[in-house]
Amino acid sequence: MIGKKAQTDTILNWAIYRIPIIIIVAVFFAIVLSNHYLIGLNSHEVENLILIKRLTYSPNLLAYKDPSTGRVYPGVIDIEKFHTEDLEQNLLNKNNRIAVNIELTYLDTQEVKRAYINEQKARAWDDYVVIGGYDSSVLKRYVKIYENGELHPGLLRIKVLIKK
């Protein structure tokens, strides 16, 4: 049989030393596990960048391709290719979680032309980016616009919206 002094010593040993250490270890594991689950692999920025590069560098999309040499000029936008239908035909996929708003401004006349990929969702999601649930990337780049054999200075603005 254990004496009263030994029982008190055992209770104090648990209450003062062991229980706080168990609580500290449990809190530490909870913090580590919550950080592990919060830090997810988010590849949307890379996905956005790949799409933007594909739009500006691909000869089938916006980049001007010289018909005689076959050379592609990525900093030159062919206005003949700047149509929503052409872009959607080459880029729109079946998952429909990506929408793109493309704006081309002529710097000499301030005329603005717009094209979209997944136009309906691009217009709708643009308002919801602030609320959340959507990632967006915006690229602004000074370009030359090839129109009727002439080059005009322009500003290309591409906004990619991805549903999380």
Protein backbone atom coordinates (compact mmCIF):
# COMPACT_ATOMS: atom_id res chain seq x y z
CA MET A 1 0.00 0.00 0.00
CA ILE A 2 1.25 3.45 -0.94
CA GLY A 3 1.38 6.15 1.67
CA LYS A 4 -0.31 9.55 1.42
CA LYS A 5 3.01 11.27 0.82
CA ALA A 6 3.76 8.95 -2.10
CA GLN A 7 0.29 9.49 -3.61
CA THR A 8 0.70 13.26 -3.39
CA ASP A 9 4.15 13.04 -4.92
CA THR A 10 2.80 10.93 -7.81
CA ILE A 11 -0.09 13.33 -8.48
CA LEU A 12 2.23 16.35 -8.38
CA ASN A 13 4.69 14.55 -10.66
CA TRP A 14 1.94 14.03 -13.27
CA ALA A 15 0.27 17.43 -12.84
CA ILE A 16 3.40 19.57 -12.83
CA TYR A 17 5.79 17.76 -15.15
CA ARG A 18 4.19 15.21 -17.43
CA ILE A 19 0.81 16.70 -18.41
CA PRO A 20 2.26 20.07 -19.59
CA ILE A 21 4.90 18.22 -21.62
CA ILE A 22 2.20 16.03 -23.21
CA ILE A 23 0.15 19.16 -24.03
CA ILE A 24 3.19 20.92 -25.56
CA VAL A 25 4.02 17.88 -27.71
CA ALA A 26 0.38 17.56 -28.85
CA VAL A 27 0.23 21.27 -29.80
CA PHE A 28 3.54 20.94 -31.67
CA PHE A 29 2.24 18.00 -33.71
CA ALA A 30 -1.02 19.83 -34.41
CA ILE A 31 0.89 22.87 -35.74
CA VAL A 32 3.18 20.73 -37.88
CA LEU A 33 0.30 18.74 -39.36
CA SER A 34 -1.82 21.83 -40.06
CA ASN A 35 1.10 23.51 -41.85
CA HIS A 36 1.67 20.36 -43.85
CA TYR A 37 -1.93 20.37 -45.08
CA LEU A 38 -2.03 24.13 -45.70
CA ILE A 39 1.06 24.14 -47.90
CA GLY A 40 -0.23 22.49 -51.02
CA LEU A 41 1.34 22.27 -54.42
CA ASN A 42 -0.09 25.20 -56.34
CA SER A 43 0.87 25.02 -59.99
CA HIS A 44 -1.56 27.64 -61.28
CA GLU A 45 1.10 30.32 -61.77
CA VAL A 46 3.21 27.96 -63.84
CA GLU A 47 0.14 26.88 -65.79
CA ASN A 48 -0.76 30.53 -66.44
CA LEU A 49 2.75 31.34 -67.61
CA ILE A 50 2.81 28.37 -69.99
CA LEU A 51 -0.52 29.45 -71.49
CA ILE A 52 0.66 33.06 -71.88
CA LYS A 53 3.90 31.96 -73.54
CA ARG A 54 1.99 29.64 -75.84
CA LEU A 55 -0.30 32.50 -76.88
CA THR A 56 2.57 34.87 -77.65
CA TYR A 57 5.09 32.45 -79.18
CA SER A 58 3.00 29.93 -81.14
CA PRO A 59 2.71 30.51 -84.90
CA ASN A 60 -0.83 29.09 -84.82
CA LEU A 61 -1.98 31.62 -82.25
CA LEU A 62 -0.98 35.31 -82.02
CA ALA A 63 2.62 35.46 -83.24
CA TYR A 64 3.26 36.68 -86.78
CA LYS A 65 4.72 34.09 -89.15
CA ASP A 66 6.47 35.34 -92.28
CA PRO A 67 4.94 33.41 -95.19
CA SER A 68 8.07 33.54 -97.35
CA THR A 69 10.67 32.47 -94.78
CA GLY A 70 8.48 30.60 -92.30
CA ARG A 71 10.11 32.49 -89.41
CA VAL A 72 7.94 33.27 -86.37
CA TYR A 73 8.23 36.69 -84.72
CA PRO A 74 7.02 36.36 -81.11
CA GLY A 75 7.01 40.12 -80.40
CA VAL A 76 4.80 40.81 -83.41
CA ILE A 77 1.05 40.16 -83.18
CA ASP A 78 -0.72 39.20 -86.41
CA ILE A 79 -4.04 41.02 -86.35
CA GLU A 80 -5.50 38.45 -88.76
CA LYS A 81 -5.21 35.83 -86.00
CA PHE A 82 -6.64 38.05 -83.27
CA HIS A 83 -10.15 36.57 -83.16
CA THR A 84 -11.91 34.69 -80.38
CA GLU A 85 -12.99 31.89 -82.71
CA ASP A 86 -9.43 31.21 -83.94
CA LEU A 87 -7.98 31.23 -80.44
CA GLU A 88 -10.67 28.96 -79.02
CA GLN A 89 -10.27 26.54 -81.90
CA ASN A 90 -6.57 26.14 -81.07
CA LEU A 91 -6.65 26.33 -77.27
CA LEU A 92 -10.03 25.61 -75.70
CA ASN A 93 -9.98 22.27 -73.98
CA LYS A 94 -12.75 20.15 -72.57
CA ASN A 95 -12.15 20.81 -68.87
CA ASN A 96 -13.29 24.46 -69.12
CA ARG A 97 -11.48 25.60 -65.99
CA ILE A 98 -9.35 28.17 -67.84
CA ALA A 99 -10.55 31.47 -69.28
CA VAL A 100 -8.45 34.17 -70.94
CA ASN A 101 -9.14 37.84 -71.60
CA ILE A 102 -6.80 39.34 -74.24
CA GLU A 103 -6.70 43.07 -74.90
CA LEU A 104 -4.65 44.66 -77.68
CA THR A 105 -4.24 48.44 -77.68
CA TYR A 106 -2.88 50.40 -80.62
CA LEU A 107 -0.61 52.98 -79.01
CA ASP A 108 -0.78 55.45 -81.89
CA THR A 109 -4.61 55.57 -82.14
CA GLN A 110 -5.60 54.19 -78.68
CA GLU A 111 -7.94 51.74 -80.42
CA VAL A 112 -8.60 48.65 -78.29
CA LYS A 113 -9.40 45.18 -79.63
CA ARG A 114 -10.45 42.28 -77.43
CA ALA A 115 -10.40 38.54 -77.85
CA TYR A 116 -11.27 35.78 -75.42
CA ILE A 117 -10.76 32.13 -74.76
CA ASN A 118 -13.87 30.74 -73.10
CA GLU A 119 -15.50 34.16 -73.36
CA GLN A 120 -18.57 33.53 -71.21
CA LYS A 121 -16.51 32.32 -68.26
CA ALA A 122 -13.82 34.98 -68.74
CA ARG A 123 -16.41 37.74 -68.34
CA ALA A 124 -18.09 36.05 -65.37
CA TRP A 125 -14.97 34.98 -63.48
CA ASP A 126 -13.29 38.35 -63.81
CA ASP A 127 -15.64 39.70 -61.15
CA TYR A 128 -15.09 36.74 -58.80
CA VAL A 129 -11.28 36.87 -58.60
CA VAL A 130 -11.49 39.29 -55.68
CA ILE A 131 -13.86 37.01 -53.76
CA GLY A 132 -11.68 33.92 -54.12
CA GLY A 133 -11.83 30.50 -55.65
CA TYR A 134 -10.01 31.72 -58.76
CA ASP A 135 -6.38 32.46 -59.56
CA SER A 136 -5.40 35.06 -62.10
CA SER A 137 -2.24 36.22 -63.80
CA VAL A 138 -1.83 39.35 -65.87
CA LEU A 139 0.90 39.97 -68.43
CA LYS A 140 1.41 43.34 -70.12
CA ARG A 141 3.89 43.50 -72.95
CA TYR A 142 4.75 46.10 -75.57
CA VAL A 143 4.43 44.52 -79.00
CA LYS A 144 4.29 45.39 -82.67
CA ILE A 145 1.01 44.80 -84.47
CA TYR A 146 1.26 43.49 -88.03
CA GLU A 147 -1.65 44.79 -90.09
CA ASN A 148 -1.80 45.02 -93.90
CA GLY A 149 1.98 44.85 -94.28
CA GLU A 150 2.63 47.61 -91.70
CA LEU A 151 3.85 47.46 -88.12
CA HIS A 152 2.10 49.53 -85.46
CA PRO A 153 3.18 49.94 -81.82
CA GLY A 154 0.86 48.23 -79.38
CA LEU A 155 0.32 46.99 -75.85
CA LEU A 156 -0.80 43.41 -75.29
CA ARG A 157 -2.56 42.60 -72.00
CA ILE A 158 -3.34 38.96 -71.26
CA LYS A 159 -5.32 38.00 -68.16
CA VAL A 160 -5.58 34.28 -67.42
CA LEU A 161 -8.22 33.07 -64.97
CA ILE A 162 -8.13 29.56 -63.53
CA LYS A 163 -10.80 28.04 -61.33
CA LYS A 164 -9.25 26.42 -58.26
